[in-house]
Structure formats: structure tokens, C-alpha cells
N, C-alpha and C. Protein backbone atom coordinates (compact mmCIF):
# COMPACT_ATOMS: atom_id res chain seq x y z
N UNK A 1 -91.73 -27.35 66.98
CA UNK A 1 -92.87 -26.87 67.72
C UNK A 1 -92.40 -25.85 68.75
N UNK A 2 -93.20 -24.78 68.94
CA UNK A 2 -92.83 -23.73 69.89
C UNK A 2 -93.03 -24.20 71.32
N UNK A 3 -92.26 -23.61 72.19
CA UNK A 3 -92.39 -23.87 73.60
C UNK A 3 -93.72 -23.27 74.08
N UNK A 4 -94.57 -24.01 74.82
CA UNK A 4 -95.85 -23.46 75.27
C UNK A 4 -95.69 -22.21 76.14
N UNK A 5 -94.55 -22.12 76.81
CA UNK A 5 -94.30 -20.94 77.65
C UNK A 5 -94.13 -19.70 76.78
N UNK A 6 -93.51 -19.85 75.61
CA UNK A 6 -93.32 -18.72 74.71
C UNK A 6 -94.63 -18.26 74.09
N UNK A 7 -95.57 -19.17 73.87
CA UNK A 7 -96.86 -18.82 73.29
C UNK A 7 -97.65 -17.93 74.26
N UNK A 8 -97.53 -18.19 75.55
CA UNK A 8 -98.29 -17.45 76.55
C UNK A 8 -97.66 -16.09 76.88
N UNK A 9 -96.41 -15.87 76.53
CA UNK A 9 -95.70 -14.64 76.89
C UNK A 9 -96.07 -13.51 75.93
N UNK A 10 -96.58 -12.41 76.49
CA UNK A 10 -96.88 -11.22 75.69
C UNK A 10 -95.68 -10.30 75.57
N UNK A 11 -94.90 -10.19 76.65
CA UNK A 11 -93.76 -9.29 76.68
C UNK A 11 -92.82 -9.76 77.76
N UNK A 12 -91.51 -9.63 77.53
CA UNK A 12 -90.53 -9.98 78.57
C UNK A 12 -89.36 -9.01 78.50
N UNK A 13 -88.69 -8.85 79.62
CA UNK A 13 -87.50 -8.02 79.69
C UNK A 13 -86.60 -8.52 80.81
N UNK A 14 -85.33 -8.21 80.71
CA UNK A 14 -84.35 -8.58 81.71
C UNK A 14 -83.84 -7.31 82.38
N UNK A 15 -83.78 -7.34 83.71
CA UNK A 15 -83.35 -6.17 84.47
C UNK A 15 -82.76 -6.63 85.80
N UNK A 16 -82.06 -5.73 86.50
CA UNK A 16 -81.57 -6.09 87.84
C UNK A 16 -82.73 -6.39 88.79
N UNK A 17 -82.48 -7.19 89.78
CA UNK A 17 -83.50 -7.56 90.75
C UNK A 17 -84.00 -6.37 91.56
N UNK A 18 -83.12 -5.45 91.87
CA UNK A 18 -83.49 -4.25 92.64
C UNK A 18 -82.67 -3.08 92.14
N UNK A 19 -83.16 -1.85 92.37
CA UNK A 19 -82.33 -0.69 91.99
C UNK A 19 -81.05 -0.70 92.82
N UNK A 20 -79.96 -0.37 92.18
CA UNK A 20 -78.67 -0.43 92.87
C UNK A 20 -77.82 0.74 92.42
N UNK A 21 -77.19 1.35 93.40
CA UNK A 21 -76.24 2.42 93.13
C UNK A 21 -75.00 2.13 93.96
N UNK A 22 -73.86 2.06 93.31
CA UNK A 22 -72.63 1.79 94.04
C UNK A 22 -72.35 2.95 94.98
N UNK A 23 -72.12 2.62 96.22
CA UNK A 23 -71.89 3.63 97.26
C UNK A 23 -70.43 3.66 97.67
N UNK A 24 -70.02 4.82 98.13
CA UNK A 24 -68.64 4.96 98.60
C UNK A 24 -68.58 4.66 100.10
N UNK A 25 -67.41 4.82 100.63
CA UNK A 25 -67.20 4.57 102.06
C UNK A 25 -67.89 5.58 102.95
N UNK A 26 -68.29 6.73 102.40
CA UNK A 26 -68.96 7.76 103.21
C UNK A 26 -70.27 7.22 103.76
N UNK A 27 -71.04 6.55 102.93
CA UNK A 27 -72.33 6.02 103.37
C UNK A 27 -72.12 4.91 104.39
N UNK A 28 -71.13 4.06 104.15
CA UNK A 28 -70.86 2.98 105.10
C UNK A 28 -70.43 3.54 106.46
N UNK A 29 -69.62 4.59 106.44
CA UNK A 29 -69.23 5.23 107.70
C UNK A 29 -70.43 5.87 108.38
N UNK A 30 -71.36 6.43 107.61
CA UNK A 30 -72.57 7.02 108.17
C UNK A 30 -73.40 5.93 108.87
N UNK A 31 -73.60 4.78 108.20
CA UNK A 31 -74.34 3.67 108.82
C UNK A 31 -73.66 3.22 110.11
N UNK A 32 -72.33 3.11 110.07
CA UNK A 32 -71.58 2.67 111.25
C UNK A 32 -71.70 3.68 112.39
N UNK A 33 -71.62 4.97 112.07
CA UNK A 33 -71.72 6.01 113.11
C UNK A 33 -73.10 5.99 113.76
N UNK A 34 -74.15 5.86 112.97
CA UNK A 34 -75.51 5.81 113.53
C UNK A 34 -75.68 4.57 114.39
N UNK A 35 -75.17 3.43 113.93
CA UNK A 35 -75.28 2.19 114.71
C UNK A 35 -74.51 2.31 116.03
N UNK A 36 -73.31 2.91 115.99
CA UNK A 36 -72.55 3.09 117.24
C UNK A 36 -73.27 4.03 118.20
N UNK A 37 -73.85 5.08 117.69
CA UNK A 37 -74.59 6.01 118.55
C UNK A 37 -75.78 5.31 119.21
N UNK A 38 -76.56 4.59 118.43
CA UNK A 38 -77.69 3.85 119.00
C UNK A 38 -77.21 2.76 119.95
N UNK A 39 -76.08 2.14 119.65
CA UNK A 39 -75.55 1.10 120.53
C UNK A 39 -75.17 1.67 121.90
N UNK A 40 -74.55 2.82 121.89
CA UNK A 40 -74.20 3.46 123.17
C UNK A 40 -75.44 3.82 123.97
N UNK A 41 -76.44 4.36 123.30
CA UNK A 41 -77.69 4.72 123.99
C UNK A 41 -78.33 3.46 124.58
N UNK A 42 -78.42 2.41 123.79
CA UNK A 42 -79.03 1.16 124.26
C UNK A 42 -78.20 0.55 125.39
N UNK A 43 -76.88 0.59 125.26
CA UNK A 43 -76.01 -0.01 126.27
C UNK A 43 -76.18 0.69 127.63
N UNK A 44 -76.24 2.01 127.62
CA UNK A 44 -76.34 2.74 128.89
C UNK A 44 -77.73 2.70 129.49
N UNK A 45 -78.75 2.45 128.71
CA UNK A 45 -80.10 2.34 129.26
C UNK A 45 -80.46 0.92 129.64
N UNK A 46 -79.57 -0.05 129.40
CA UNK A 46 -79.72 -1.37 129.98
C UNK A 46 -80.36 -2.45 129.13
N UNK A 47 -80.95 -2.16 128.00
CA UNK A 47 -81.56 -3.21 127.17
C UNK A 47 -80.55 -3.72 126.17
N UNK A 48 -79.55 -4.41 126.69
CA UNK A 48 -78.42 -4.84 125.85
C UNK A 48 -78.81 -5.88 124.81
N UNK A 49 -79.92 -6.58 125.01
CA UNK A 49 -80.34 -7.59 124.04
C UNK A 49 -80.75 -6.92 122.72
N UNK A 50 -81.10 -5.65 122.75
CA UNK A 50 -81.47 -4.92 121.54
C UNK A 50 -80.27 -4.63 120.63
N UNK A 51 -79.07 -4.84 121.14
CA UNK A 51 -77.88 -4.64 120.31
C UNK A 51 -77.80 -5.66 119.18
N UNK A 52 -78.32 -6.85 119.41
CA UNK A 52 -78.25 -7.91 118.39
C UNK A 52 -79.04 -7.52 117.13
N UNK A 53 -80.33 -7.15 117.24
CA UNK A 53 -81.04 -6.76 116.00
C UNK A 53 -80.48 -5.48 115.38
N UNK A 54 -79.97 -4.57 116.20
CA UNK A 54 -79.39 -3.35 115.65
C UNK A 54 -78.20 -3.66 114.76
N UNK A 55 -77.30 -4.52 115.22
CA UNK A 55 -76.13 -4.87 114.43
C UNK A 55 -76.49 -5.79 113.27
N UNK A 56 -77.57 -6.56 113.41
CA UNK A 56 -78.04 -7.38 112.29
C UNK A 56 -78.57 -6.48 111.16
N UNK A 57 -79.26 -5.42 111.51
CA UNK A 57 -79.74 -4.47 110.50
C UNK A 57 -78.56 -3.75 109.85
N UNK A 58 -77.56 -3.39 110.64
CA UNK A 58 -76.37 -2.77 110.08
C UNK A 58 -75.71 -3.71 109.07
N UNK A 59 -75.61 -5.00 109.41
CA UNK A 59 -75.03 -5.97 108.48
C UNK A 59 -75.87 -6.06 107.20
N UNK A 60 -77.19 -6.02 107.32
CA UNK A 60 -78.07 -6.04 106.14
C UNK A 60 -77.82 -4.83 105.26
N UNK A 61 -77.74 -3.64 105.84
CA UNK A 61 -77.44 -2.43 105.07
C UNK A 61 -76.09 -2.55 104.37
N UNK A 62 -75.10 -3.03 105.10
CA UNK A 62 -73.77 -3.20 104.52
C UNK A 62 -73.81 -4.15 103.33
N UNK A 63 -74.49 -5.29 103.51
CA UNK A 63 -74.56 -6.29 102.44
C UNK A 63 -75.27 -5.75 101.21
N UNK A 64 -76.39 -5.09 101.41
CA UNK A 64 -77.15 -4.54 100.27
C UNK A 64 -76.42 -3.38 99.60
N UNK A 65 -75.56 -2.71 100.34
CA UNK A 65 -74.82 -1.58 99.77
C UNK A 65 -73.66 -2.04 98.90
N UNK A 66 -72.99 -3.11 99.28
CA UNK A 66 -71.80 -3.52 98.52
C UNK A 66 -72.08 -4.60 97.49
N UNK A 67 -73.23 -5.27 97.55
CA UNK A 67 -73.51 -6.39 96.66
C UNK A 67 -74.44 -5.96 95.52
N UNK A 68 -73.95 -5.99 94.28
CA UNK A 68 -74.85 -5.66 93.17
C UNK A 68 -75.87 -6.79 92.95
N UNK A 69 -77.08 -6.45 92.55
CA UNK A 69 -78.12 -7.48 92.38
C UNK A 69 -77.92 -8.28 91.09
N UNK A 70 -78.43 -9.50 91.05
CA UNK A 70 -78.36 -10.28 89.81
C UNK A 70 -79.43 -9.81 88.83
N UNK A 71 -79.25 -10.14 87.56
CA UNK A 71 -80.27 -9.84 86.56
C UNK A 71 -81.31 -10.95 86.56
N UNK A 72 -82.58 -10.56 86.45
CA UNK A 72 -83.68 -11.52 86.42
C UNK A 72 -84.54 -11.27 85.18
N UNK A 73 -85.28 -12.28 84.78
CA UNK A 73 -86.17 -12.15 83.64
C UNK A 73 -87.59 -11.96 84.15
N UNK A 74 -88.25 -10.92 83.67
CA UNK A 74 -89.63 -10.61 84.02
C UNK A 74 -90.50 -10.80 82.79
N UNK A 75 -91.72 -11.33 82.98
CA UNK A 75 -92.59 -11.60 81.84
C UNK A 75 -94.01 -11.13 82.12
N UNK A 76 -94.68 -10.66 81.07
CA UNK A 76 -96.11 -10.42 81.09
C UNK A 76 -96.71 -11.51 80.22
N UNK A 77 -97.63 -12.30 80.81
CA UNK A 77 -98.25 -13.39 80.07
C UNK A 77 -99.74 -13.14 79.92
N UNK A 78 -100.43 -14.03 79.25
CA UNK A 78 -101.87 -13.92 79.08
C UNK A 78 -102.60 -14.08 80.40
N UNK A 79 -101.98 -14.75 81.36
CA UNK A 79 -102.62 -15.04 82.63
C UNK A 79 -102.21 -14.11 83.76
N UNK A 80 -101.15 -13.35 83.58
CA UNK A 80 -100.68 -12.46 84.63
C UNK A 80 -99.23 -12.08 84.43
N UNK A 81 -98.55 -11.88 85.52
CA UNK A 81 -97.15 -11.44 85.50
C UNK A 81 -96.27 -12.49 86.15
N UNK A 82 -95.06 -12.58 85.66
CA UNK A 82 -94.03 -13.39 86.29
C UNK A 82 -92.85 -12.46 86.56
N UNK A 83 -92.75 -12.00 87.81
CA UNK A 83 -91.73 -11.02 88.19
C UNK A 83 -90.72 -11.71 89.09
N UNK A 84 -89.51 -11.90 88.58
CA UNK A 84 -88.41 -12.52 89.32
C UNK A 84 -88.81 -13.87 89.89
N UNK A 85 -89.58 -14.64 89.11
CA UNK A 85 -89.98 -15.97 89.55
C UNK A 85 -91.26 -16.02 90.35
N UNK A 86 -91.86 -14.88 90.67
CA UNK A 86 -93.12 -14.83 91.40
C UNK A 86 -94.24 -14.64 90.38
N UNK A 87 -95.20 -15.56 90.36
CA UNK A 87 -96.29 -15.49 89.41
C UNK A 87 -97.50 -14.84 90.05
N UNK A 88 -98.03 -13.83 89.37
CA UNK A 88 -99.20 -13.09 89.85
C UNK A 88 -100.29 -13.15 88.78
N UNK A 89 -101.48 -13.57 89.16
CA UNK A 89 -102.59 -13.64 88.22
C UNK A 89 -103.29 -12.29 88.16
N UNK A 90 -103.88 -11.98 86.99
CA UNK A 90 -104.54 -10.69 86.81
C UNK A 90 -105.65 -10.48 87.83
N UNK A 91 -106.34 -11.55 88.22
CA UNK A 91 -107.47 -11.42 89.15
C UNK A 91 -107.05 -10.91 90.52
N UNK A 92 -105.81 -11.15 90.90
CA UNK A 92 -105.36 -10.75 92.23
C UNK A 92 -104.71 -9.37 92.25
N UNK A 93 -104.58 -8.72 91.09
CA UNK A 93 -103.89 -7.43 91.02
C UNK A 93 -104.87 -6.28 90.96
N UNK A 94 -104.51 -5.17 91.59
CA UNK A 94 -105.38 -4.01 91.65
C UNK A 94 -104.91 -2.90 90.71
N UNK A 95 -103.69 -2.41 90.92
CA UNK A 95 -103.18 -1.30 90.10
C UNK A 95 -101.67 -1.34 90.05
N UNK A 96 -101.11 -0.47 89.19
CA UNK A 96 -99.65 -0.36 89.09
C UNK A 96 -99.29 1.10 88.88
N UNK A 97 -98.04 1.41 89.21
CA UNK A 97 -97.50 2.76 88.98
C UNK A 97 -96.00 2.67 88.84
N UNK A 98 -95.41 3.75 88.35
CA UNK A 98 -93.97 3.83 88.18
C UNK A 98 -93.40 4.87 89.13
N UNK A 99 -92.22 4.60 89.65
CA UNK A 99 -91.49 5.55 90.48
C UNK A 99 -90.03 5.49 90.06
N UNK A 100 -89.22 6.35 90.64
CA UNK A 100 -87.80 6.39 90.31
C UNK A 100 -86.99 6.22 91.59
N UNK A 101 -86.00 5.35 91.52
CA UNK A 101 -85.09 5.15 92.66
C UNK A 101 -83.70 4.89 92.11
N UNK A 102 -82.72 5.66 92.56
CA UNK A 102 -81.32 5.56 92.13
C UNK A 102 -81.17 5.67 90.62
N UNK A 103 -82.02 6.44 89.96
CA UNK A 103 -81.94 6.63 88.52
C UNK A 103 -82.59 5.53 87.71
N UNK A 104 -83.22 4.55 88.35
CA UNK A 104 -83.93 3.47 87.66
C UNK A 104 -85.43 3.73 87.74
N UNK A 105 -86.15 3.37 86.67
CA UNK A 105 -87.61 3.33 86.74
C UNK A 105 -87.99 2.06 87.46
N UNK A 106 -88.92 2.18 88.39
CA UNK A 106 -89.33 1.05 89.20
C UNK A 106 -90.83 0.84 89.03
N UNK A 107 -91.22 -0.32 88.51
CA UNK A 107 -92.61 -0.69 88.35
C UNK A 107 -93.09 -1.28 89.66
N UNK A 108 -94.16 -0.72 90.22
CA UNK A 108 -94.74 -1.23 91.45
C UNK A 108 -96.14 -1.73 91.14
N UNK A 109 -96.39 -2.98 91.47
CA UNK A 109 -97.68 -3.61 91.24
C UNK A 109 -98.30 -3.92 92.59
N UNK A 110 -99.53 -3.49 92.80
CA UNK A 110 -100.21 -3.65 94.09
C UNK A 110 -101.37 -4.62 93.92
N UNK A 111 -101.49 -5.55 94.86
CA UNK A 111 -102.57 -6.54 94.79
C UNK A 111 -103.85 -5.97 95.37
N UNK A 112 -104.91 -6.74 95.25
CA UNK A 112 -106.22 -6.34 95.77
C UNK A 112 -106.26 -6.48 97.29
N UNK A 113 -107.14 -5.68 97.93
CA UNK A 113 -107.33 -5.85 99.37
C UNK A 113 -107.87 -7.24 99.67
N UNK A 114 -107.67 -7.79 100.81
CA UNK A 114 -107.18 -7.19 102.04
C UNK A 114 -105.67 -7.26 102.20
N UNK A 115 -104.96 -7.87 101.23
CA UNK A 115 -103.52 -8.08 101.41
C UNK A 115 -102.68 -6.88 101.01
N UNK A 116 -102.97 -6.29 99.86
CA UNK A 116 -102.25 -5.11 99.37
C UNK A 116 -100.73 -5.29 99.38
N UNK A 117 -100.26 -6.45 98.95
CA UNK A 117 -98.81 -6.61 98.86
C UNK A 117 -98.31 -5.92 97.60
N UNK A 118 -97.05 -5.52 97.65
CA UNK A 118 -96.42 -4.79 96.55
C UNK A 118 -95.35 -5.67 95.92
N UNK A 119 -95.30 -5.66 94.60
CA UNK A 119 -94.26 -6.36 93.86
C UNK A 119 -93.52 -5.32 93.05
N UNK A 120 -92.19 -5.36 93.08
CA UNK A 120 -91.38 -4.36 92.41
C UNK A 120 -90.57 -5.00 91.29
N UNK A 121 -90.44 -4.27 90.18
CA UNK A 121 -89.62 -4.73 89.06
C UNK A 121 -88.91 -3.52 88.47
N UNK A 122 -87.63 -3.66 88.22
CA UNK A 122 -86.84 -2.58 87.62
C UNK A 122 -87.12 -2.57 86.12
N UNK A 123 -87.35 -1.37 85.59
CA UNK A 123 -87.58 -1.18 84.16
C UNK A 123 -86.36 -0.44 83.62
N UNK A 124 -85.56 -1.07 82.75
CA UNK A 124 -84.27 -0.48 82.37
C UNK A 124 -84.32 0.75 81.48
N UNK A 125 -85.35 0.90 80.62
CA UNK A 125 -85.37 2.09 79.76
C UNK A 125 -86.80 2.54 79.47
N UNK A 126 -86.91 3.70 78.82
CA UNK A 126 -88.21 4.34 78.58
C UNK A 126 -89.06 3.56 77.58
N UNK A 127 -88.44 2.93 76.60
CA UNK A 127 -89.20 2.17 75.60
C UNK A 127 -89.93 0.98 76.26
N UNK A 128 -89.24 0.29 77.13
CA UNK A 128 -89.86 -0.82 77.86
C UNK A 128 -90.96 -0.30 78.77
N UNK A 129 -90.74 0.85 79.38
CA UNK A 129 -91.75 1.45 80.25
C UNK A 129 -93.03 1.76 79.46
N UNK A 130 -92.89 2.32 78.26
CA UNK A 130 -94.07 2.61 77.43
C UNK A 130 -94.81 1.34 77.06
N UNK A 131 -94.07 0.31 76.64
CA UNK A 131 -94.71 -0.95 76.27
C UNK A 131 -95.41 -1.60 77.47
N UNK A 132 -94.77 -1.55 78.63
CA UNK A 132 -95.40 -2.11 79.83
C UNK A 132 -96.67 -1.35 80.20
N UNK A 133 -96.64 -0.04 80.07
CA UNK A 133 -97.82 0.76 80.38
C UNK A 133 -98.99 0.37 79.48
N UNK A 134 -98.72 0.22 78.19
CA UNK A 134 -99.78 -0.18 77.26
C UNK A 134 -100.33 -1.57 77.57
N UNK A 135 -99.46 -2.52 77.79
CA UNK A 135 -99.91 -3.90 78.02
C UNK A 135 -100.61 -4.04 79.37
N UNK A 136 -100.00 -3.50 80.43
CA UNK A 136 -100.58 -3.66 81.76
C UNK A 136 -101.89 -2.89 81.93
N UNK A 137 -102.02 -1.73 81.27
CA UNK A 137 -103.25 -0.94 81.42
C UNK A 137 -104.45 -1.61 80.76
N UNK A 138 -104.24 -2.61 79.94
CA UNK A 138 -105.35 -3.39 79.39
C UNK A 138 -105.96 -4.31 80.44
N UNK A 139 -105.20 -4.65 81.48
CA UNK A 139 -105.64 -5.62 82.47
C UNK A 139 -105.89 -5.03 83.85
N UNK A 140 -105.06 -4.07 84.26
CA UNK A 140 -105.21 -3.47 85.59
C UNK A 140 -105.11 -1.95 85.46
N UNK A 141 -105.44 -1.25 86.52
CA UNK A 141 -105.50 0.21 86.53
C UNK A 141 -104.10 0.80 86.65
N UNK A 142 -103.83 1.83 85.85
CA UNK A 142 -102.58 2.57 85.95
C UNK A 142 -102.83 3.83 86.77
N UNK A 143 -102.03 4.06 87.80
CA UNK A 143 -102.13 5.27 88.61
C UNK A 143 -100.88 6.09 88.38
N UNK A 144 -101.09 7.34 87.99
CA UNK A 144 -99.96 8.22 87.74
C UNK A 144 -99.26 8.59 89.04
N UNK A 145 -100.04 8.91 90.05
CA UNK A 145 -99.50 9.23 91.38
C UNK A 145 -100.14 8.30 92.40
N UNK A 146 -99.38 7.43 93.02
CA UNK A 146 -99.97 6.54 94.02
C UNK A 146 -100.28 7.29 95.31
N UNK A 147 -101.30 6.82 96.03
CA UNK A 147 -101.58 7.43 97.33
C UNK A 147 -100.58 6.87 98.34
N UNK A 148 -100.04 7.75 99.15
CA UNK A 148 -99.02 7.35 100.11
C UNK A 148 -99.65 7.27 101.49
N UNK A 149 -99.31 6.20 102.21
CA UNK A 149 -99.79 6.06 103.58
C UNK A 149 -98.68 6.51 104.54
N UNK A 150 -98.93 6.32 105.82
CA UNK A 150 -97.98 6.76 106.84
C UNK A 150 -96.62 6.10 106.67
N UNK A 151 -96.62 4.82 106.36
CA UNK A 151 -95.36 4.07 106.20
C UNK A 151 -94.55 4.62 105.03
N UNK A 152 -95.21 4.88 103.90
CA UNK A 152 -94.51 5.44 102.74
C UNK A 152 -93.92 6.81 103.05
N UNK A 153 -94.67 7.65 103.74
CA UNK A 153 -94.16 8.97 104.11
C UNK A 153 -92.98 8.87 105.08
N UNK A 154 -93.03 7.90 106.00
CA UNK A 154 -91.94 7.71 106.95
C UNK A 154 -90.67 7.23 106.22
N UNK A 155 -90.83 6.33 105.26
CA UNK A 155 -89.68 5.83 104.50
C UNK A 155 -89.06 6.97 103.69
N UNK A 156 -89.88 7.80 103.07
CA UNK A 156 -89.36 8.94 102.32
C UNK A 156 -88.60 9.89 103.24
N UNK A 157 -89.12 10.13 104.43
CA UNK A 157 -88.46 11.03 105.37
C UNK A 157 -87.12 10.45 105.83
N UNK A 158 -87.10 9.15 106.15
CA UNK A 158 -85.85 8.52 106.58
C UNK A 158 -84.83 8.50 105.44
N UNK A 159 -85.29 8.30 104.21
CA UNK A 159 -84.38 8.31 103.06
C UNK A 159 -83.76 9.68 102.86
N UNK A 160 -84.49 10.72 103.19
CA UNK A 160 -83.95 12.07 103.02
C UNK A 160 -82.86 12.37 104.05
N UNK A 161 -82.81 11.61 105.15
CA UNK A 161 -81.79 11.83 106.17
C UNK A 161 -80.43 11.25 105.79
N UNK A 162 -80.42 10.27 104.91
CA UNK A 162 -79.16 9.66 104.48
C UNK A 162 -78.41 10.67 103.62
N UNK A 163 -77.15 10.92 103.92
CA UNK A 163 -76.42 11.95 103.17
C UNK A 163 -76.23 11.57 101.70
N UNK A 164 -76.20 12.59 100.87
CA UNK A 164 -75.95 12.39 99.45
C UNK A 164 -74.45 12.39 99.24
N UNK A 165 -73.94 11.34 98.66
CA UNK A 165 -72.49 11.20 98.53
C UNK A 165 -71.96 11.70 97.19
N UNK A 166 -72.84 12.17 96.32
CA UNK A 166 -72.40 12.58 94.99
C UNK A 166 -71.36 13.69 95.04
N UNK A 167 -71.56 14.62 95.93
CA UNK A 167 -70.61 15.72 96.02
C UNK A 167 -70.38 16.09 97.49
N UNK A 168 -69.59 15.30 98.22
CA UNK A 168 -69.39 15.58 99.64
C UNK A 168 -68.68 16.90 99.89
N UNK A 169 -67.79 17.32 98.99
CA UNK A 169 -67.09 18.58 99.19
C UNK A 169 -68.06 19.75 99.06
N UNK A 170 -68.97 19.66 98.07
CA UNK A 170 -69.96 20.72 97.91
C UNK A 170 -70.92 20.77 99.08
N UNK A 171 -71.32 19.59 99.58
CA UNK A 171 -72.22 19.56 100.73
C UNK A 171 -71.56 20.15 101.96
N UNK A 172 -70.26 19.86 102.14
CA UNK A 172 -69.54 20.39 103.29
C UNK A 172 -69.35 21.90 103.11
N UNK A 173 -69.01 22.33 101.92
CA UNK A 173 -68.76 23.75 101.69
C UNK A 173 -70.03 24.58 101.80
N UNK A 174 -71.18 23.98 101.44
CA UNK A 174 -72.42 24.75 101.49
C UNK A 174 -72.83 25.03 102.94
N UNK A 175 -72.37 24.22 103.90
CA UNK A 175 -72.71 24.43 105.29
C UNK A 175 -71.83 25.46 105.97
N UNK A 176 -70.74 25.87 105.34
CA UNK A 176 -69.83 26.84 105.93
C UNK A 176 -70.22 28.24 105.51
N UNK A 177 -70.06 29.20 106.40
CA UNK A 177 -70.34 30.58 106.01
C UNK A 177 -69.26 31.08 105.04
N UNK A 178 -69.70 31.89 104.11
CA UNK A 178 -68.77 32.45 103.12
C UNK A 178 -68.07 33.65 103.70
N UNK A 179 -66.78 33.74 103.44
CA UNK A 179 -66.00 34.87 103.95
C UNK A 179 -65.85 35.94 102.91
């Protein structure tokens, strides 16, 4: 006899828990330099208790940068989605869209108001992305371009400030005048 869980599953895939790109020491030094600069500013202006959350955030960045994520199993069932162990029913979901981060396709599922929480799942290849689009669009709305709010725009802007480590010599050379 089949497992009842398998009968309810329409589609499943295995992928990393979050997009991950192995970083070099340049990015870690950048995080450390920014944290030291903010620490000096905070120290001289007297709110020394703010140093604790600043260094806690630095530790979080360090941990997420050096630790690769585990692989998780994601499922689309007749009743909703099971993303990394979180079960979402179709009735509570509003729309979904795809974005790209660190070379991975990222499925973002948004719930209905008033909560509007976001659930993210990494999609490893284009074939899985096509199948997910077909299956999910039968139940919830697919948006090609999501509307971005102030927080999304701020995150994009802050992400653009982090240096690109792919070619540090080219980045350094492009800032120098040519002789």
C-alpha cells in the first residue's frame, strides 16, 4: 500500500535551504571594517550598549557567510505547500514570483493580507521552475514582476554597497586613472 503522504504530493524537489555563494576573505574583511567603523562612532558618542547588537549582527553575517546551508525537501501537495517543513495551505496564499540571488532561482510565496509573510524556496534548475510555475499558477496568482515596497528598495540599495569579490583586481584597476 502506498504512503498517504505520497498520494497527496503533486510535485517535490530537493534544494539548499537558502541561496549560498562561497565568499572569500575580502567580504569578511569588509564586514569587519564596517563594524569597526560603526563601533568607533558608537564608542565616542557614548551609547556603548549598542556595541553588543552591532557585534551580534557581525557574528550573524560571518556565520551565514562561511556556513553552507543544508539541503531540504520541498513539496507541492493537493492542500498547499510544504517548504522546508513549513506547511502553507492554498487558502492563505496570495501570489508567487521568481527572483535570482547568487545565481540561484528563488521562489517567493506571499500570503494574503493582513500578514503578507514571505516564504522562500531555492529552485535548482529551469525545468523545475517551469513545472512549479504550471502547478502553482493553478492555485495562486503568478506575478512576473513583484511590486517593491520601501523595505525591498532599501535592501537592494544596501546589497549594492557590498563589494563584488569576483574580480577584485579589475575593480581596483577600474578606479585608477589610465596612464
